[in-house]
Amino acid sequence: MKKYNIYIVYFWLTIGILTTIYAIYKTMTSDEVEPMTYYMPILAFVLFGMRKWYDGKLKKQDQENGEK
């Protein structure tokens, strides 16, 4: 389960970076851009942050349980 958490954190980071690059590209090459083009990077970075925070919480719990 720990490896899954690590993979999913970096999955969302990768998606965030790629969709940001795509949004910049679409902004520079076309006149009209759909709003979803900007929402996807925001959503991906929010999910990355949430997973990173949750992973830190799990690690903290594991450390506390291991000491007792």
PDB file of N, CA and C in Angstrom:
ATOM      1  N   MET A   1       0.819  -1.196   0.000  1.00  0.00           N
ATOM      2  CA  MET A   1       0.000   0.000   0.000  1.00  0.00           C
ATOM      3  C   MET A   1       0.865   1.263   0.000  1.00  0.00           C
ATOM      4  N   LYS A   2       2.046   1.166   0.614  1.00  0.00           N
ATOM      5  CA  LYS A   2       2.921   2.329   0.668  1.00  0.00           C
ATOM      6  C   LYS A   2       3.416   2.711  -0.728  1.00  0.00           C
ATOM      7  N   LYS A   3       3.741   1.704  -1.537  1.00  0.00           N
ATOM      8  CA  LYS A   3       4.204   1.989  -2.897  1.00  0.00           C
ATOM      9  C   LYS A   3       3.095   2.614  -3.734  1.00  0.00           C
ATOM     10  N   TYR A   4       1.867   2.149  -3.512  1.00  0.00           N
ATOM     11  CA  TYR A   4       0.731   2.724  -4.224  1.00  0.00           C
ATOM     12  C   TYR A   4       0.612   4.211  -3.909  1.00  0.00           C
ATOM     13  N   ASN A   5       0.761   4.573  -2.644  1.00  0.00           N
ATOM     14  CA  ASN A   5       0.662   5.973  -2.252  1.00  0.00           C
ATOM     15  C   ASN A   5       1.748   6.810  -2.902  1.00  0.00           C
ATOM     16  N   ILE A   6       2.950   6.275  -2.976  1.00  0.00           N
ATOM     17  CA  ILE A   6       4.044   7.005  -3.612  1.00  0.00           C
ATOM     18  C   ILE A   6       3.775   7.188  -5.096  1.00  0.00           C
ATOM     19  N   TYR A   7       3.326   6.124  -5.760  1.00  0.00           N
ATOM     20  CA  TYR A   7       3.047   6.211  -7.197  1.00  0.00           C
ATOM     21  C   TYR A   7       1.926   7.196  -7.500  1.00  0.00           C
ATOM     22  N   ILE A   8       0.876   7.187  -6.696  1.00  0.00           N
ATOM     23  CA  ILE A   8      -0.273   8.042  -6.992  1.00  0.00           C
ATOM     24  C   ILE A   8       0.065   9.516  -6.753  1.00  0.00           C
ATOM     25  N   VAL A   9       0.941   9.796  -5.777  1.00  0.00           N
ATOM     26  CA  VAL A   9       1.371  11.182  -5.543  1.00  0.00           C
ATOM     27  C   VAL A   9       2.105  11.704  -6.772  1.00  0.00           C
ATOM     28  N   TYR A  10       3.042  10.922  -7.265  1.00  0.00           N
ATOM     29  CA  TYR A  10       3.809  11.371  -8.427  1.00  0.00           C
ATOM     30  C   TYR A  10       3.009  11.305  -9.720  1.00  0.00           C
ATOM     31  N   PHE A  11       1.992  10.461  -9.767  1.00  0.00           N
ATOM     32  CA  PHE A  11       1.079  10.453 -10.910  1.00  0.00           C
ATOM     33  C   PHE A  11       0.371  11.796 -11.021  1.00  0.00           C
ATOM     34  N   TRP A  12      -0.156  12.297  -9.898  1.00  0.00           N
ATOM     35  CA  TRP A  12      -0.863  13.577  -9.935  1.00  0.00           C
ATOM     36  C   TRP A  12       0.072  14.740 -10.215  1.00  0.00           C
ATOM     37  N   LEU A  13       1.298  14.653  -9.735  1.00  0.00           N
ATOM     38  CA  LEU A  13       2.275  15.694 -10.048  1.00  0.00           C
ATOM     39  C   LEU A  13       2.570  15.708 -11.548  1.00  0.00           C
ATOM     40  N   THR A  14       2.751  14.537 -12.131  1.00  0.00           N
ATOM     41  CA  THR A  14       3.014  14.435 -13.574  1.00  0.00           C
ATOM     42  C   THR A  14       1.837  14.961 -14.390  1.00  0.00           C
ATOM     43  N   ILE A  15       0.626  14.568 -14.004  1.00  0.00           N
ATOM     44  CA  ILE A  15      -0.563  15.054 -14.708  1.00  0.00           C
ATOM     45  C   ILE A  15      -0.667  16.571 -14.587  1.00  0.00           C
ATOM     46  N   GLY A  16      -0.374  17.106 -13.422  1.00  0.00           N
ATOM     47  CA  GLY A  16      -0.418  18.555 -13.225  1.00  0.00           C
ATOM     48  C   GLY A  16       0.566  19.284 -14.115  1.00  0.00           C
ATOM     49  N   ILE A  17       1.781  18.780 -14.203  1.00  0.00           N
ATOM     50  CA  ILE A  17       2.795  19.419 -15.038  1.00  0.00           C
ATOM     51  C   ILE A  17       2.417  19.327 -16.514  1.00  0.00           C
ATOM     52  N   LEU A  18       1.999  18.146 -16.948  1.00  0.00           N
ATOM     53  CA  LEU A  18       1.641  17.974 -18.370  1.00  0.00           C
ATOM     54  C   LEU A  18       0.435  18.821 -18.762  1.00  0.00           C
ATOM     55  N   THR A  19      -0.575  18.885 -17.917  1.00  0.00           N
ATOM     56  CA  THR A  19      -1.750  19.682 -18.264  1.00  0.00           C
ATOM     57  C   THR A  19      -1.451  21.180 -18.200  1.00  0.00           C
ATOM     58  N   THR A  20      -0.505  21.585 -17.354  1.00  0.00           N
ATOM     59  CA  THR A  20      -0.089  22.989 -17.332  1.00  0.00           C
ATOM     60  C   THR A  20       0.616  23.348 -18.634  1.00  0.00           C
ATOM     61  N   ILE A  21       1.491  22.480 -19.088  1.00  0.00           N
ATOM     62  CA  ILE A  21       2.176  22.709 -20.359  1.00  0.00           C
ATOM     63  C   ILE A  21       1.171  22.767 -21.501  1.00  0.00           C
ATOM     64  N   TYR A  22       0.189  21.863 -21.475  1.00  0.00           N
ATOM     65  CA  TYR A  22      -0.842  21.857 -22.509  1.00  0.00           C
ATOM     66  C   TYR A  22      -1.671  23.139 -22.467  1.00  0.00           C
ATOM     67  N   ALA A  23      -2.019  23.605 -21.272  1.00  0.00           N
ATOM     68  CA  ALA A  23      -2.809  24.834 -21.145  1.00  0.00           C
ATOM     69  C   ALA A  23      -2.037  26.036 -21.672  1.00  0.00           C
ATOM     70  N   ILE A  24      -0.751  26.102 -21.394  1.00  0.00           N
ATOM     71  CA  ILE A  24       0.074  27.195 -21.908  1.00  0.00           C
ATOM     72  C   ILE A  24       0.150  27.127 -23.429  1.00  0.00           C
ATOM     73  N   TYR A  25       0.325  25.938 -23.952  1.00  0.00           N
ATOM     74  CA  TYR A  25       0.378  25.750 -25.405  1.00  0.00           C
ATOM     75  C   TYR A  25      -0.923  26.195 -26.066  1.00  0.00           C
ATOM     76  N   LYS A  26      -2.069  25.737 -25.506  1.00  0.00           N
ATOM     77  CA  LYS A  26      -3.372  26.101 -26.086  1.00  0.00           C
ATOM     78  C   LYS A  26      -3.610  27.605 -26.003  1.00  0.00           C
ATOM     79  N   THR A  27      -3.181  28.234 -24.931  1.00  0.00           N
ATOM     80  CA  THR A  27      -3.355  29.678 -24.767  1.00  0.00           C
ATOM     81  C   THR A  27      -2.560  30.435 -25.815  1.00  0.00           C
ATOM     82  N   MET A  28      -1.367  29.944 -26.123  1.00  0.00           N
ATOM     83  CA  MET A  28      -0.507  30.644 -27.070  1.00  0.00           C
ATOM     84  C   MET A  28      -0.908  30.402 -28.518  1.00  0.00           C
ATOM     85  N   THR A  29      -1.559  29.271 -28.807  1.00  0.00           N
ATOM     86  CA  THR A  29      -1.820  28.935 -30.208  1.00  0.00           C
ATOM     87  C   THR A  29      -3.244  29.190 -30.664  1.00  0.00           C
ATOM     88  N   SER A  30      -4.192  29.321 -29.762  1.00  0.00           N
ATOM     89  CA  SER A  30      -5.565  29.527 -30.224  1.00  0.00           C
ATOM     90  C   SER A  30      -6.179  30.759 -29.562  1.00  0.00           C
ATOM     91  N   ASP A  31      -7.206  31.287 -30.229  1.00  0.00           N
ATOM     92  CA  ASP A  31      -7.865  32.487 -29.729  1.00  0.00           C
ATOM     93  C   ASP A  31      -8.796  32.173 -28.557  1.00  0.00           C
ATOM     94  N   GLU A  32      -9.589  31.119 -28.700  1.00  0.00           N
ATOM     95  CA  GLU A  32     -10.527  30.738 -27.647  1.00  0.00           C
ATOM     96  C   GLU A  32     -10.081  29.430 -27.012  1.00  0.00           C
ATOM     97  N   VAL A  33     -10.072  29.426 -25.694  1.00  0.00           N
ATOM     98  CA  VAL A  33      -9.660  28.233 -24.957  1.00  0.00           C
ATOM     99  C   VAL A  33     -10.790  27.872 -24.005  1.00  0.00           C
ATOM    100  N   GLU A  34     -11.128  26.593 -23.970  1.00  0.00           N
ATOM    101  CA  GLU A  34     -12.172  26.132 -23.062  1.00  0.00           C
ATOM    102  C   GLU A  34     -11.705  26.290 -21.613  1.00  0.00           C
ATOM    103  N   PRO A  35     -12.611  26.659 -20.724  1.00  0.00           N
ATOM    104  CA  PRO A  35     -12.222  26.818 -19.310  1.00  0.00           C
ATOM    105  C   PRO A  35     -11.678  25.530 -18.678  1.00  0.00           C
ATOM    106  N   MET A  36     -12.126  24.372 -19.144  1.00  0.00           N
ATOM    107  CA  MET A  36     -11.649  23.103 -18.592  1.00  0.00           C
ATOM    108  C   MET A  36     -10.141  22.946 -18.768  1.00  0.00           C
ATOM    109  N   THR A  37      -9.590  23.632 -19.770  1.00  0.00           N
ATOM    110  CA  THR A  37      -8.152  23.582 -20.004  1.00  0.00           C
ATOM    111  C   THR A  37      -7.395  24.133 -18.807  1.00  0.00           C
ATOM    112  N   TYR A  38      -7.976  25.098 -18.114  1.00  0.00           N
ATOM    113  CA  TYR A  38      -7.332  25.682 -16.940  1.00  0.00           C
ATOM    114  C   TYR A  38      -7.720  24.980 -15.644  1.00  0.00           C
ATOM    115  N   TYR A  39      -8.862  24.341 -15.621  1.00  0.00           N
ATOM    116  CA  TYR A  39      -9.318  23.662 -14.403  1.00  0.00           C
ATOM    117  C   TYR A  39      -8.550  22.368 -14.140  1.00  0.00           C
ATOM    118  N   MET A  40      -8.177  21.678 -15.184  1.00  0.00           N
ATOM    119  CA  MET A  40      -7.517  20.384 -15.006  1.00  0.00           C
ATOM    120  C   MET A  40      -6.170  20.504 -14.286  1.00  0.00           C
ATOM    121  N   PRO A  41      -5.297  21.458 -14.646  1.00  0.00           N
ATOM    122  CA  PRO A  41      -4.039  21.568 -13.883  1.00  0.00           C
ATOM    123  C   PRO A  41      -4.283  21.932 -12.418  1.00  0.00           C
ATOM    124  N   ILE A  42      -5.254  22.797 -12.182  1.00  0.00           N
ATOM    125  CA  ILE A  42      -5.563  23.187 -10.803  1.00  0.00           C
ATOM    126  C   ILE A  42      -6.027  21.963 -10.017  1.00  0.00           C
ATOM    127  N   LEU A  43      -6.922  21.194 -10.603  1.00  0.00           N
ATOM    128  CA  LEU A  43      -7.427  19.993  -9.945  1.00  0.00           C
ATOM    129  C   LEU A  43      -6.298  18.988  -9.685  1.00  0.00           C
ATOM    130  N   ALA A  44      -5.435  18.802 -10.665  1.00  0.00           N
ATOM    131  CA  ALA A  44      -4.341  17.842 -10.511  1.00  0.00           C
ATOM    132  C   ALA A  44      -3.386  18.270  -9.398  1.00  0.00           C
ATOM    133  N   PHE A  45      -3.069  19.565  -9.316  1.00  0.00           N
ATOM    134  CA  PHE A  45      -2.170  20.022  -8.254  1.00  0.00           C
ATOM    135  C   PHE A  45      -2.839  19.974  -6.884  1.00  0.00           C
ATOM    136  N   VAL A  46      -4.142  20.218  -6.831  1.00  0.00           N
ATOM    137  CA  VAL A  46      -4.859  20.082  -5.558  1.00  0.00           C
ATOM    138  C   VAL A  46      -4.842  18.619  -5.111  1.00  0.00           C
ATOM    139  N   LEU A  47      -5.107  17.707  -6.021  1.00  0.00           N
ATOM    140  CA  LEU A  47      -5.070  16.284  -5.677  1.00  0.00           C
ATOM    141  C   LEU A  47      -3.663  15.845  -5.285  1.00  0.00           C
ATOM    142  N   PHE A  48      -2.646  16.384  -5.944  1.00  0.00           N
ATOM    143  CA  PHE A  48      -1.269  16.093  -5.565  1.00  0.00           C
ATOM    144  C   PHE A  48      -1.001  16.546  -4.138  1.00  0.00           C
ATOM    145  N   GLY A  49      -1.422  17.759  -3.814  1.00  0.00           N
ATOM    146  CA  GLY A  49      -1.212  18.284  -2.470  1.00  0.00           C
ATOM    147  C   GLY A  49      -1.957  17.489  -1.416  1.00  0.00           C
ATOM    148  N   MET A  50      -3.184  17.109  -1.725  1.00  0.00           N
ATOM    149  CA  MET A  50      -3.965  16.316  -0.779  1.00  0.00           C
ATOM    150  C   MET A  50      -3.327  14.956  -0.546  1.00  0.00           C
ATOM    151  N   ARG A  51      -2.873  14.296  -1.603  1.00  0.00           N
ATOM    152  CA  ARG A  51      -2.246  12.978  -1.458  1.00  0.00           C
ATOM    153  C   ARG A  51      -0.927  13.090  -0.692  1.00  0.00           C
ATOM    154  N   LYS A  52      -0.163  14.135  -0.971  1.00  0.00           N
ATOM    155  CA  LYS A  52       1.101  14.336  -0.275  1.00  0.00           C
ATOM    156  C   LYS A  52       0.850  14.557   1.219  1.00  0.00           C
ATOM    157  N   TRP A  53      -0.146  15.363   1.548  1.00  0.00           N
ATOM    158  CA  TRP A  53      -0.507  15.623   2.937  1.00  0.00           C
ATOM    159  C   TRP A  53      -0.974  14.341   3.619  1.00  0.00           C
ATOM    160  N   TYR A  54      -1.823  13.585   2.929  1.00  0.00           N
ATOM    161  CA  TYR A  54      -2.349  12.348   3.495  1.00  0.00           C
ATOM    162  C   TYR A  54      -1.236  11.318   3.694  1.00  0.00           C
ATOM    163  N   ASP A  55      -0.300  11.260   2.755  1.00  0.00           N
ATOM    164  CA  ASP A  55       0.830  10.348   2.871  1.00  0.00           C
ATOM    165  C   ASP A  55       1.681  10.711   4.086  1.00  0.00           C
ATOM    166  N   GLY A  56       1.877  11.995   4.321  1.00  0.00           N
ATOM    167  CA  GLY A  56       2.614  12.432   5.497  1.00  0.00           C
ATOM    168  C   GLY A  56       1.905  12.052   6.782  1.00  0.00           C
ATOM    169  N   LYS A  57       0.576  12.144   6.770  1.00  0.00           N
ATOM    170  CA  LYS A  57      -0.203  11.738   7.941  1.00  0.00           C
ATOM    171  C   LYS A  57      -0.053  10.246   8.205  1.00  0.00           C
ATOM    172  N   LEU A  58      -0.091   9.440   7.146  1.00  0.00           N
ATOM    173  CA  LEU A  58       0.062   7.996   7.303  1.00  0.00           C
ATOM    174  C   LEU A  58       1.444   7.637   7.844  1.00  0.00           C
ATOM    175  N   LYS A  59       2.475   8.305   7.342  1.00  0.00           N
ATOM    176  CA  LYS A  59       3.830   8.044   7.822  1.00  0.00           C
ATOM    177  C   LYS A  59       3.962   8.409   9.301  1.00  0.00           C
ATOM    178  N   LYS A  60       3.342   9.510   9.691  1.00  0.00           N
ATOM    179  CA  LYS A  60       3.392   9.934  11.088  1.00  0.00           C
ATOM    180  C   LYS A  60       2.698   8.903  11.985  1.00  0.00           C
ATOM    181  N   GLN A  61       1.552   8.389  11.536  1.00  0.00           N
ATOM    182  CA  GLN A  61       0.849   7.374  12.299  1.00  0.00           C
ATOM    183  C   GLN A  61       1.675   6.097  12.411  1.00  0.00           C
ATOM    184  N   ASP A  62       2.323   5.712  11.317  1.00  0.00           N
ATOM    185  CA  ASP A  62       3.162   4.509  11.338  1.00  0.00           C
ATOM    186  C   ASP A  62       4.318   4.656  12.328  1.00  0.00           C
ATOM    187  N   GLN A  63       4.917   5.845  12.361  1.00  0.00           N
ATOM    188  CA  GLN A  63       6.009   6.080  13.282  1.00  0.00           C
ATOM    189  C   GLN A  63       5.525   6.033  14.737  1.00  0.00           C
ATOM    190  N   GLU A  64       4.365   6.621  15.002  1.00  0.00           N
ATOM    191  CA  GLU A  64       3.825   6.610  16.362  1.00  0.00           C
ATOM    192  C   GLU A  64       3.457   5.190  16.793  1.00  0.00           C
ATOM    193  N   ASN A  65       2.892   4.421  15.893  1.00  0.00           N
ATOM    194  CA  ASN A  65       2.517   3.035  16.219  1.00  0.00           C
ATOM    195  C   ASN A  65       3.743   2.146  16.367  1.00  0.00           C
ATOM    196  N   GLY A  66       4.793   2.456  15.648  1.00  0.00           N
ATOM    197  CA  GLY A  66       6.010   1.648  15.739  1.00  0.00           C
ATOM    198  C   GLY A  66       6.764   1.873  17.029  1.00  0.00           C
ATOM    199  N   GLU A  67       6.651   3.070  17.590  1.00  0.00           N
ATOM    200  CA  GLU A  67       7.357   3.383  18.829  1.00  0.00           C
ATOM    201  C   GLU A  67       6.682   2.754  20.042  1.00  0.00           C
ATOM    202  N   LYS A  68       5.385   2.554  20.002  1.00  0.00           N
ATOM    203  CA  LYS A  68       4.645   2.037  21.157  1.00  0.00           C
ATOM    204  C   LYS A  68       4.747   0.562  21.298  1.00  0.00           C
TER     205      LYS A  68
END
